[in-house]
Amino acid sequence: MDLPLRSDHQAAVAKGLLIQVNPDGSPFVSEGSSPQESLEPASTQESPKKPNKASSKADWVAWAVHQGAEQAEAESLTLAALIERYHGAE
């Protein structure tokens, strides 16, 4: 994949669902790191907390992206639609 990652791919990396590998598929190990460190998600950014129904649209967009939505798609939804679609997501 090209860098920077798409928002859905970045969300998958943050969840540990995607990891960097070498072209042959073996685990990627950068200089100065152990193999275990390379298997950990690259993102040091905290995952957003699930917003409550009174939260801002920006909070709901961030939550939707964290749940795998594309940024542009999430931003195009109304606050009510975001709440309806993602309120039950953990």
PDB file of N, CA and C in Angstrom:
ATOM      1  N   MET A   1       0.836  -1.175   0.000  1.00  0.00           N
ATOM      2  CA  MET A   1       0.000   0.000   0.000  1.00  0.00           C
ATOM      3  C   MET A   1       0.882   1.240   0.000  1.00  0.00           C
ATOM      4  N   ASP A   2       0.379   2.264  -0.591  1.00  0.00           N
ATOM      5  CA  ASP A   2       1.107   3.519  -0.602  1.00  0.00           C
ATOM      6  C   ASP A   2       0.859   4.280   0.687  1.00  0.00           C
ATOM      7  N   LEU A   3       1.841   5.092   1.049  1.00  0.00           N
ATOM      8  CA  LEU A   3       1.697   5.959   2.213  1.00  0.00           C
ATOM      9  C   LEU A   3       1.352   7.351   1.753  1.00  0.00           C
ATOM     10  N   PRO A   4       0.580   8.123   2.438  1.00  0.00           N
ATOM     11  CA  PRO A   4      -0.073   7.768   3.678  1.00  0.00           C
ATOM     12  C   PRO A   4      -1.229   6.807   3.431  1.00  0.00           C
ATOM     13  N   LEU A   5      -1.541   6.034   4.469  1.00  0.00           N
ATOM     14  CA  LEU A   5      -2.616   5.056   4.368  1.00  0.00           C
ATOM     15  C   LEU A   5      -3.969   5.746   4.307  1.00  0.00           C
ATOM     16  N   ARG A   6      -4.921   5.093   3.628  1.00  0.00           N
ATOM     17  CA  ARG A   6      -6.306   5.578   3.653  1.00  0.00           C
ATOM     18  C   ARG A   6      -6.811   5.465   5.077  1.00  0.00           C
ATOM     19  N   SER A   7      -7.834   6.220   5.402  1.00  0.00           N
ATOM     20  CA  SER A   7      -8.338   6.242   6.779  1.00  0.00           C
ATOM     21  C   SER A   7      -8.818   4.865   7.239  1.00  0.00           C
ATOM     22  N   ASP A   8      -9.440   4.087   6.352  1.00  0.00           N
ATOM     23  CA  ASP A   8      -9.904   2.765   6.776  1.00  0.00           C
ATOM     24  C   ASP A   8      -8.732   1.823   7.033  1.00  0.00           C
ATOM     25  N   HIS A   9      -7.668   1.958   6.241  1.00  0.00           N
ATOM     26  CA  HIS A   9      -6.484   1.138   6.469  1.00  0.00           C
ATOM     27  C   HIS A   9      -5.778   1.575   7.747  1.00  0.00           C
ATOM     28  N   GLN A  10      -5.715   2.895   7.981  1.00  0.00           N
ATOM     29  CA  GLN A  10      -5.091   3.383   9.198  1.00  0.00           C
ATOM     30  C   GLN A  10      -5.861   2.892  10.422  1.00  0.00           C
ATOM     31  N   ALA A  11      -7.185   2.861  10.328  1.00  0.00           N
ATOM     32  CA  ALA A  11      -7.997   2.347  11.438  1.00  0.00           C
ATOM     33  C   ALA A  11      -7.689   0.871  11.673  1.00  0.00           C
ATOM     34  N   ALA A  12      -7.504   0.117  10.601  1.00  0.00           N
ATOM     35  CA  ALA A  12      -7.170  -1.308  10.736  1.00  0.00           C
ATOM     36  C   ALA A  12      -5.792  -1.487  11.359  1.00  0.00           C
ATOM     37  N   VAL A  13      -4.842  -0.622  11.020  1.00  0.00           N
ATOM     38  CA  VAL A  13      -3.515  -0.674  11.634  1.00  0.00           C
ATOM     39  C   VAL A  13      -3.636  -0.371  13.125  1.00  0.00           C
ATOM     40  N   ALA A  14      -4.418   0.651  13.465  1.00  0.00           N
ATOM     41  CA  ALA A  14      -4.590   1.034  14.868  1.00  0.00           C
ATOM     42  C   ALA A  14      -5.210  -0.102  15.679  1.00  0.00           C
ATOM     43  N   LYS A  15      -6.087  -0.875  15.055  1.00  0.00           N
ATOM     44  CA  LYS A  15      -6.724  -2.007  15.741  1.00  0.00           C
ATOM     45  C   LYS A  15      -5.826  -3.246  15.745  1.00  0.00           C
ATOM     46  N   GLY A  16      -4.710  -3.183  15.028  1.00  0.00           N
ATOM     47  CA  GLY A  16      -3.818  -4.330  14.942  1.00  0.00           C
ATOM     48  C   GLY A  16      -4.244  -5.349  13.906  1.00  0.00           C
ATOM     49  N   LEU A  17      -5.182  -4.955  13.025  1.00  0.00           N
ATOM     50  CA  LEU A  17      -5.669  -5.884  12.001  1.00  0.00           C
ATOM     51  C   LEU A  17      -4.762  -5.931  10.782  1.00  0.00           C
ATOM     52  N   LEU A  18      -3.963  -4.892  10.580  1.00  0.00           N
ATOM     53  CA  LEU A  18      -2.979  -4.846   9.498  1.00  0.00           C
ATOM     54  C   LEU A  18      -1.606  -4.613  10.107  1.00  0.00           C
ATOM     55  N   ILE A  19      -0.610  -5.327   9.604  1.00  0.00           N
ATOM     56  CA  ILE A  19       0.763  -5.106  10.045  1.00  0.00           C
ATOM     57  C   ILE A  19       1.660  -4.988   8.819  1.00  0.00           C
ATOM     58  N   GLN A  20       2.797  -4.359   9.001  1.00  0.00           N
ATOM     59  CA  GLN A  20       3.740  -4.212   7.908  1.00  0.00           C
ATOM     60  C   GLN A  20       4.535  -5.502   7.758  1.00  0.00           C
ATOM     61  N   VAL A  21       4.687  -5.946   6.508  1.00  0.00           N
ATOM     62  CA  VAL A  21       5.466  -7.148   6.211  1.00  0.00           C
ATOM     63  C   VAL A  21       6.448  -6.837   5.092  1.00  0.00           C
ATOM     64  N   ASN A  22       7.435  -7.705   4.937  1.00  0.00           N
ATOM     65  CA  ASN A  22       8.378  -7.602   3.832  1.00  0.00           C
ATOM     66  C   ASN A  22       7.699  -8.081   2.549  1.00  0.00           C
ATOM     67  N   PRO A  23       8.283  -7.781   1.384  1.00  0.00           N
ATOM     68  CA  PRO A  23       7.679  -8.229   0.123  1.00  0.00           C
ATOM     69  C   PRO A  23       7.426  -9.737   0.054  1.00  0.00           C
ATOM     70  N   ASP A  24       8.234 -10.528   0.784  1.00  0.00           N
ATOM     71  CA  ASP A  24       8.022 -11.976   0.766  1.00  0.00           C
ATOM     72  C   ASP A  24       6.984 -12.438   1.783  1.00  0.00           C
ATOM     73  N   GLY A  25       6.412 -11.498   2.542  1.00  0.00           N
ATOM     74  CA  GLY A  25       5.374 -11.829   3.509  1.00  0.00           C
ATOM     75  C   GLY A  25       5.879 -12.069   4.915  1.00  0.00           C
ATOM     76  N   SER A  26       7.191 -12.086   5.095  1.00  0.00           N
ATOM     77  CA  SER A  26       7.729 -12.274   6.443  1.00  0.00           C
ATOM     78  C   SER A  26       7.552 -10.995   7.259  1.00  0.00           C
ATOM     79  N   PRO A  27       7.507 -11.100   8.594  1.00  0.00           N
ATOM     80  CA  PRO A  27       7.311  -9.908   9.425  1.00  0.00           C
ATOM     81  C   PRO A  27       8.396  -8.866   9.186  1.00  0.00           C
ATOM     82  N   PHE A  28       7.996  -7.620   9.078  1.00  0.00           N
ATOM     83  CA  PHE A  28       8.927  -6.519   8.875  1.00  0.00           C
ATOM     84  C   PHE A  28       9.567  -6.157  10.204  1.00  0.00           C
ATOM     85  N   VAL A  29      10.891  -6.037  10.211  1.00  0.00           N
ATOM     86  CA  VAL A  29      11.613  -5.608  11.404  1.00  0.00           C
ATOM     87  C   VAL A  29      12.497  -4.440  10.988  1.00  0.00           C
ATOM     88  N   SER A  30      12.228  -3.268  11.557  1.00  0.00           N
ATOM     89  CA  SER A  30      13.057  -2.108  11.241  1.00  0.00           C
ATOM     90  C   SER A  30      14.320  -2.150  12.089  1.00  0.00           C
ATOM     91  N   GLU A  31      15.340  -1.426  11.659  1.00  0.00           N
ATOM     92  CA  GLU A  31      16.584  -1.388  12.420  1.00  0.00           C
ATOM     93  C   GLU A  31      16.320  -0.855  13.810  1.00  0.00           C
ATOM     94  N   GLY A  32      16.885  -1.515  14.812  1.00  0.00           N
ATOM     95  CA  GLY A  32      16.755  -1.051  16.183  1.00  0.00           C
ATOM     96  C   GLY A  32      15.472  -1.463  16.868  1.00  0.00           C
ATOM     97  N   SER A  33      14.675  -2.325  16.237  1.00  0.00           N
ATOM     98  CA  SER A  33      13.457  -2.797  16.903  1.00  0.00           C
ATOM     99  C   SER A  33      13.453  -4.308  16.921  1.00  0.00           C
ATOM    100  N   SER A  34      12.704  -4.838  17.872  1.00  0.00           N
ATOM    101  CA  SER A  34      12.580  -6.288  17.964  1.00  0.00           C
ATOM    102  C   SER A  34      11.428  -6.738  17.076  1.00  0.00           C
ATOM    103  N   PRO A  35      11.359  -8.020  16.717  1.00  0.00           N
ATOM    104  CA  PRO A  35      10.227  -8.497  15.914  1.00  0.00           C
ATOM    105  C   PRO A  35       8.884  -8.217  16.585  1.00  0.00           C
ATOM    106  N   GLN A  36       8.807  -8.337  17.919  1.00  0.00           N
ATOM    107  CA  GLN A  36       7.541  -8.097  18.616  1.00  0.00           C
ATOM    108  C   GLN A  36       7.105  -6.642  18.460  1.00  0.00           C
ATOM    109  N   GLU A  37       8.062  -5.688  18.557  1.00  0.00           N
ATOM    110  CA  GLU A  37       7.722  -4.276  18.378  1.00  0.00           C
ATOM    111  C   GLU A  37       7.153  -4.032  16.996  1.00  0.00           C
ATOM    112  N   SER A  38       7.657  -4.725  15.997  1.00  0.00           N
ATOM    113  CA  SER A  38       7.191  -4.532  14.632  1.00  0.00           C
ATOM    114  C   SER A  38       5.781  -5.062  14.432  1.00  0.00           C
ATOM    115  N   LEU A  39       5.343  -5.994  15.276  1.00  0.00           N
ATOM    116  CA  LEU A  39       3.995  -6.534  15.158  1.00  0.00           C
ATOM    117  C   LEU A  39       2.958  -5.647  15.836  1.00  0.00           C
ATOM    118  N   GLU A  40       3.416  -4.704  16.657  1.00  0.00           N
ATOM    119  CA  GLU A  40       2.497  -3.816  17.338  1.00  0.00           C
ATOM    120  C   GLU A  40       2.019  -2.750  16.368  1.00  0.00           C
ATOM    121  N   PRO A  41       0.788  -2.239  16.549  1.00  0.00           N
ATOM    122  CA  PRO A  41       0.276  -1.200  15.658  1.00  0.00           C
ATOM    123  C   PRO A  41       1.220  -0.002  15.607  1.00  0.00           C
ATOM    124  N   ALA A  42       1.384   0.555  14.415  1.00  0.00           N
ATOM    125  CA  ALA A  42       2.299   1.672  14.232  1.00  0.00           C
ATOM    126  C   ALA A  42       1.761   2.959  14.829  1.00  0.00           C
ATOM    127  N   SER A  43       0.459   3.066  14.943  1.00  0.00           N
ATOM    128  CA  SER A  43      -0.157   4.289  15.432  1.00  0.00           C
ATOM    129  C   SER A  43      -0.012   4.413  16.939  1.00  0.00           C
ATOM    130  N   THR A  44       0.499   5.558  17.388  1.00  0.00           N
ATOM    131  CA  THR A  44       0.565   5.825  18.813  1.00  0.00           C
ATOM    132  C   THR A  44      -0.591   6.710  19.230  1.00  0.00           C
ATOM    133  N   GLN A  45      -1.428   7.051  18.279  1.00  0.00           N
ATOM    134  CA  GLN A  45      -2.585   7.888  18.543  1.00  0.00           C
ATOM    135  C   GLN A  45      -3.631   7.067  19.298  1.00  0.00           C
ATOM    136  N   GLU A  46      -4.209   7.681  20.344  1.00  0.00           N
ATOM    137  CA  GLU A  46      -5.229   6.976  21.110  1.00  0.00           C
ATOM    138  C   GLU A  46      -6.476   6.768  20.268  1.00  0.00           C
ATOM    139  N   SER A  47      -7.112   5.630  20.476  1.00  0.00           N
ATOM    140  CA  SER A  47      -8.378   5.371  19.809  1.00  0.00           C
ATOM    141  C   SER A  47      -9.434   6.290  20.402  1.00  0.00           C
ATOM    142  N   PRO A  48     -10.334   6.798  19.562  1.00  0.00           N
ATOM    143  CA  PRO A  48     -11.379   7.662  20.106  1.00  0.00           C
ATOM    144  C   PRO A  48     -12.331   6.863  20.990  1.00  0.00           C
ATOM    145  N   LYS A  49     -12.862   7.533  21.997  1.00  0.00           N
ATOM    146  CA  LYS A  49     -13.855   6.894  22.855  1.00  0.00           C
ATOM    147  C   LYS A  49     -15.211   7.005  22.184  1.00  0.00           C
ATOM    148  N   LYS A  50     -16.055   6.024  22.445  1.00  0.00           N
ATOM    149  CA  LYS A  50     -17.389   6.049  21.861  1.00  0.00           C
ATOM    150  C   LYS A  50     -18.122   7.288  22.362  1.00  0.00           C
ATOM    151  N   PRO A  51     -18.587   8.138  21.444  1.00  0.00           N
ATOM    152  CA  PRO A  51     -19.283   9.351  21.869  1.00  0.00           C
ATOM    153  C   PRO A  51     -20.684   9.042  22.391  1.00  0.00           C
ATOM    154  N   ASN A  52     -21.225   9.959  23.184  1.00  0.00           N
ATOM    155  CA  ASN A  52     -22.615   9.805  23.611  1.00  0.00           C
ATOM    156  C   ASN A  52     -23.502  10.574  22.639  1.00  0.00           C
ATOM    157  N   LYS A  53     -24.783  10.444  22.780  1.00  0.00           N
ATOM    158  CA  LYS A  53     -25.695  11.050  21.806  1.00  0.00           C
ATOM    159  C   LYS A  53     -25.617  12.575  21.786  1.00  0.00           C
ATOM    160  N   ALA A  54     -25.089  13.192  22.834  1.00  0.00           N
ATOM    161  CA  ALA A  54     -24.972  14.647  22.883  1.00  0.00           C
ATOM    162  C   ALA A  54     -23.631  15.140  22.331  1.00  0.00           C
ATOM    163  N   SER A  55     -22.760  14.235  21.903  1.00  0.00           N
ATOM    164  CA  SER A  55     -21.438  14.620  21.391  1.00  0.00           C
ATOM    165  C   SER A  55     -21.548  15.331  20.044  1.00  0.00           C
ATOM    166  N   SER A  56     -20.468  16.007  19.680  1.00  0.00           N
ATOM    167  CA  SER A  56     -20.440  16.767  18.425  1.00  0.00           C
ATOM    168  C   SER A  56     -20.367  15.845  17.208  1.00  0.00           C
ATOM    169  N   LYS A  57     -20.673  16.402  16.051  1.00  0.00           N
ATOM    170  CA  LYS A  57     -20.577  15.636  14.810  1.00  0.00           C
ATOM    171  C   LYS A  57     -19.135  15.198  14.583  1.00  0.00           C
ATOM    172  N   ALA A  58     -18.169  16.070  14.908  1.00  0.00           N
ATOM    173  CA  ALA A  58     -16.753  15.716  14.727  1.00  0.00           C
ATOM    174  C   ALA A  58     -16.389  14.476  15.539  1.00  0.00           C
ATOM    175  N   ASP A  59     -16.918  14.385  16.767  1.00  0.00           N
ATOM    176  CA  ASP A  59     -16.662  13.201  17.591  1.00  0.00           C
ATOM    177  C   ASP A  59     -17.261  11.957  16.946  1.00  0.00           C
ATOM    178  N   TRP A  60     -18.455  12.090  16.387  1.00  0.00           N
ATOM    179  CA  TRP A  60     -19.113  10.950  15.734  1.00  0.00           C
ATOM    180  C   TRP A  60     -18.405  10.564  14.445  1.00  0.00           C
ATOM    181  N   VAL A  61     -17.897  11.549  13.706  1.00  0.00           N
ATOM    182  CA  VAL A  61     -17.130  11.247  12.486  1.00  0.00           C
ATOM    183  C   VAL A  61     -15.881  10.460  12.861  1.00  0.00           C
ATOM    184  N   ALA A  62     -15.166  10.919  13.904  1.00  0.00           N
ATOM    185  CA  ALA A  62     -13.953  10.218  14.343  1.00  0.00           C
ATOM    186  C   ALA A  62     -14.286   8.788  14.765  1.00  0.00           C
ATOM    187  N   TRP A  63     -15.402   8.608  15.456  1.00  0.00           N
ATOM    188  CA  TRP A  63     -15.815   7.272  15.881  1.00  0.00           C
ATOM    189  C   TRP A  63     -16.152   6.395  14.672  1.00  0.00           C
ATOM    190  N   ALA A  64     -16.860   6.961  13.698  1.00  0.00           N
ATOM    191  CA  ALA A  64     -17.224   6.205  12.500  1.00  0.00           C
ATOM    192  C   ALA A  64     -15.974   5.761  11.748  1.00  0.00           C
ATOM    193  N   VAL A  65     -14.993   6.652  11.614  1.00  0.00           N
ATOM    194  CA  VAL A  65     -13.734   6.304  10.939  1.00  0.00           C
ATOM    195  C   VAL A  65     -13.014   5.219  11.734  1.00  0.00           C
ATOM    196  N   HIS A  66     -13.017   5.343  13.049  1.00  0.00           N
ATOM    197  CA  HIS A  66     -12.402   4.323  13.903  1.00  0.00           C
ATOM    198  C   HIS A  66     -13.081   2.965  13.690  1.00  0.00           C
ATOM    199  N   GLN A  67     -14.359   2.983  13.386  1.00  0.00           N
ATOM    200  CA  GLN A  67     -15.117   1.752  13.149  1.00  0.00           C
ATOM    201  C   GLN A  67     -14.960   1.240  11.710  1.00  0.00           C
ATOM    202  N   GLY A  68     -14.201   1.970  10.871  1.00  0.00           N
ATOM    203  CA  GLY A  68     -13.911   1.482   9.522  1.00  0.00           C
ATOM    204  C   GLY A  68     -14.525   2.272   8.389  1.00  0.00           C
ATOM    205  N   ALA A  69     -15.259   3.331   8.699  1.00  0.00           N
ATOM    206  CA  ALA A  69     -15.869   4.145   7.640  1.00  0.00           C
ATOM    207  C   ALA A  69     -14.805   5.006   6.955  1.00  0.00           C
ATOM    208  N   GLU A  70     -15.044   5.336   5.715  1.00  0.00           N
ATOM    209  CA  GLU A  70     -14.186   6.290   5.009  1.00  0.00           C
ATOM    210  C   GLU A  70     -14.461   7.679   5.581  1.00  0.00           C
ATOM    211  N   GLN A  71     -13.423   8.492   5.724  1.00  0.00           N
ATOM    212  CA  GLN A  71     -13.556   9.842   6.275  1.00  0.00           C
ATOM    213  C   GLN A  71     -14.604  10.650   5.517  1.00  0.00           C
ATOM    214  N   ALA A  72     -14.508  10.671   4.197  1.00  0.00           N
ATOM    215  CA  ALA A  72     -15.431  11.472   3.384  1.00  0.00           C
ATOM    216  C   ALA A  72     -16.873  10.989   3.537  1.00  0.00           C
ATOM    217  N   GLU A  73     -17.052   9.684   3.594  1.00  0.00           N
ATOM    218  CA  GLU A  73     -18.400   9.138   3.769  1.00  0.00           C
ATOM    219  C   GLU A  73     -18.969   9.556   5.121  1.00  0.00           C
ATOM    220  N   ALA A  74     -18.162   9.423   6.167  1.00  0.00           N
ATOM    221  CA  ALA A  74     -18.622   9.783   7.508  1.00  0.00           C
ATOM    222  C   ALA A  74     -18.969  11.267   7.579  1.00  0.00           C
ATOM    223  N   GLU A  75     -18.148  12.107   6.963  1.00  0.00           N
ATOM    224  CA  GLU A  75     -18.402  13.544   6.978  1.00  0.00           C
ATOM    225  C   GLU A  75     -19.654  13.919   6.194  1.00  0.00           C
ATOM    226  N   SER A  76     -20.014  13.107   5.216  1.00  0.00           N
ATOM    227  CA  SER A  76     -21.184  13.414   4.400  1.00  0.00           C
ATOM    228  C   SER A  76     -22.498  13.063   5.108  1.00  0.00           C
ATOM    229  N   LEU A  77     -22.429  12.225   6.142  1.00  0.00           N
ATOM    230  CA  LEU A  77     -23.625  11.841   6.875  1.00  0.00           C
ATOM    231  C   LEU A  77     -24.045  12.938   7.853  1.00  0.00           C
ATOM    232  N   THR A  78     -25.319  13.000   8.129  1.00  0.00           N
ATOM    233  CA  THR A  78     -25.797  13.935   9.143  1.00  0.00           C
ATOM    234  C   THR A  78     -25.456  13.375  10.518  1.00  0.00           C
ATOM    235  N   LEU A  79     -25.504  14.236  11.515  1.00  0.00           N
ATOM    236  CA  LEU A  79     -25.247  13.791  12.883  1.00  0.00           C
ATOM    237  C   LEU A  79     -26.232  12.689  13.276  1.00  0.00           C
ATOM    238  N   ALA A  80     -27.493  12.872  12.936  1.00  0.00           N
ATOM    239  CA  ALA A  80     -28.507  11.864  13.261  1.00  0.00           C
ATOM    240  C   ALA A  80     -28.191  10.525  12.590  1.00  0.00           C
ATOM    241  N   ALA A  81     -27.745  10.553  11.339  1.00  0.00           N
ATOM    242  CA  ALA A  81     -27.412   9.317  10.624  1.00  0.00           C
ATOM    243  C   ALA A  81     -26.186   8.640  11.239  1.00  0.00           C
ATOM    244  N   LEU A  82     -25.198   9.446  11.643  1.00  0.00           N
ATOM    245  CA  LEU A  82     -24.016   8.879  12.299  1.00  0.00           C
ATOM    246  C   LEU A  82     -24.402   8.181  13.596  1.00  0.00           C
ATOM    247  N   ILE A  83     -25.238   8.853  14.387  1.00  0.00           N
ATOM    248  CA  ILE A  83     -25.672   8.269  15.655  1.00  0.00           C
ATOM    249  C   ILE A  83     -26.454   6.982  15.407  1.00  0.00           C
ATOM    250  N   GLU A  84     -27.362   7.015  14.442  1.00  0.00           N
ATOM    251  CA  GLU A  84     -28.165   5.822  14.133  1.00  0.00           C
ATOM    252  C   GLU A  84     -27.285   4.661  13.694  1.00  0.00           C
ATOM    253  N   ARG A  85     -26.305   4.952  12.844  1.00  0.00           N
ATOM    254  CA  ARG A  85     -25.479   3.893  12.268  1.00  0.00           C
ATOM    255  C   ARG A  85     -24.413   3.378  13.226  1.00  0.00           C
ATOM    256  N   TYR A  86     -23.836   4.262  14.061  1.00  0.00           N
ATOM    257  CA  TYR A  86     -22.667   3.874  14.855  1.00  0.00           C
ATOM    258  C   TYR A  86     -22.875   3.872  16.359  1.00  0.00           C
ATOM    259  N   HIS A  87     -24.072   4.182  16.839  1.00  0.00           N
ATOM    260  CA  HIS A  87     -24.284   4.212  18.288  1.00  0.00           C
ATOM    261  C   HIS A  87     -24.102   2.832  18.916  1.00  0.00           C
ATOM    262  N   GLY A  88     -24.500   1.805  18.223  1.00  0.00           N
ATOM    263  CA  GLY A  88     -24.377   0.454  18.772  1.00  0.00           C
ATOM    264  C   GLY A  88     -23.005  -0.167  18.594  1.00  0.00           C
ATOM    265  N   ALA A  89     -22.122   0.491  17.841  1.00  0.00           N
ATOM    266  CA  ALA A  89     -20.793  -0.076  17.558  1.00  0.00           C
ATOM    267  C   ALA A  89     -19.900   0.038  18.791  1.00  0.00           C
ATOM    268  N   GLU A  90     -19.160  -1.009  19.041  1.00  0.00           N
ATOM    269  CA  GLU A  90     -18.208  -1.005  20.177  1.00  0.00           C
ATOM    270  C   GLU A  90     -16.817  -0.929  19.648  1.00  0.00           C
TER     271      GLU A  90
END
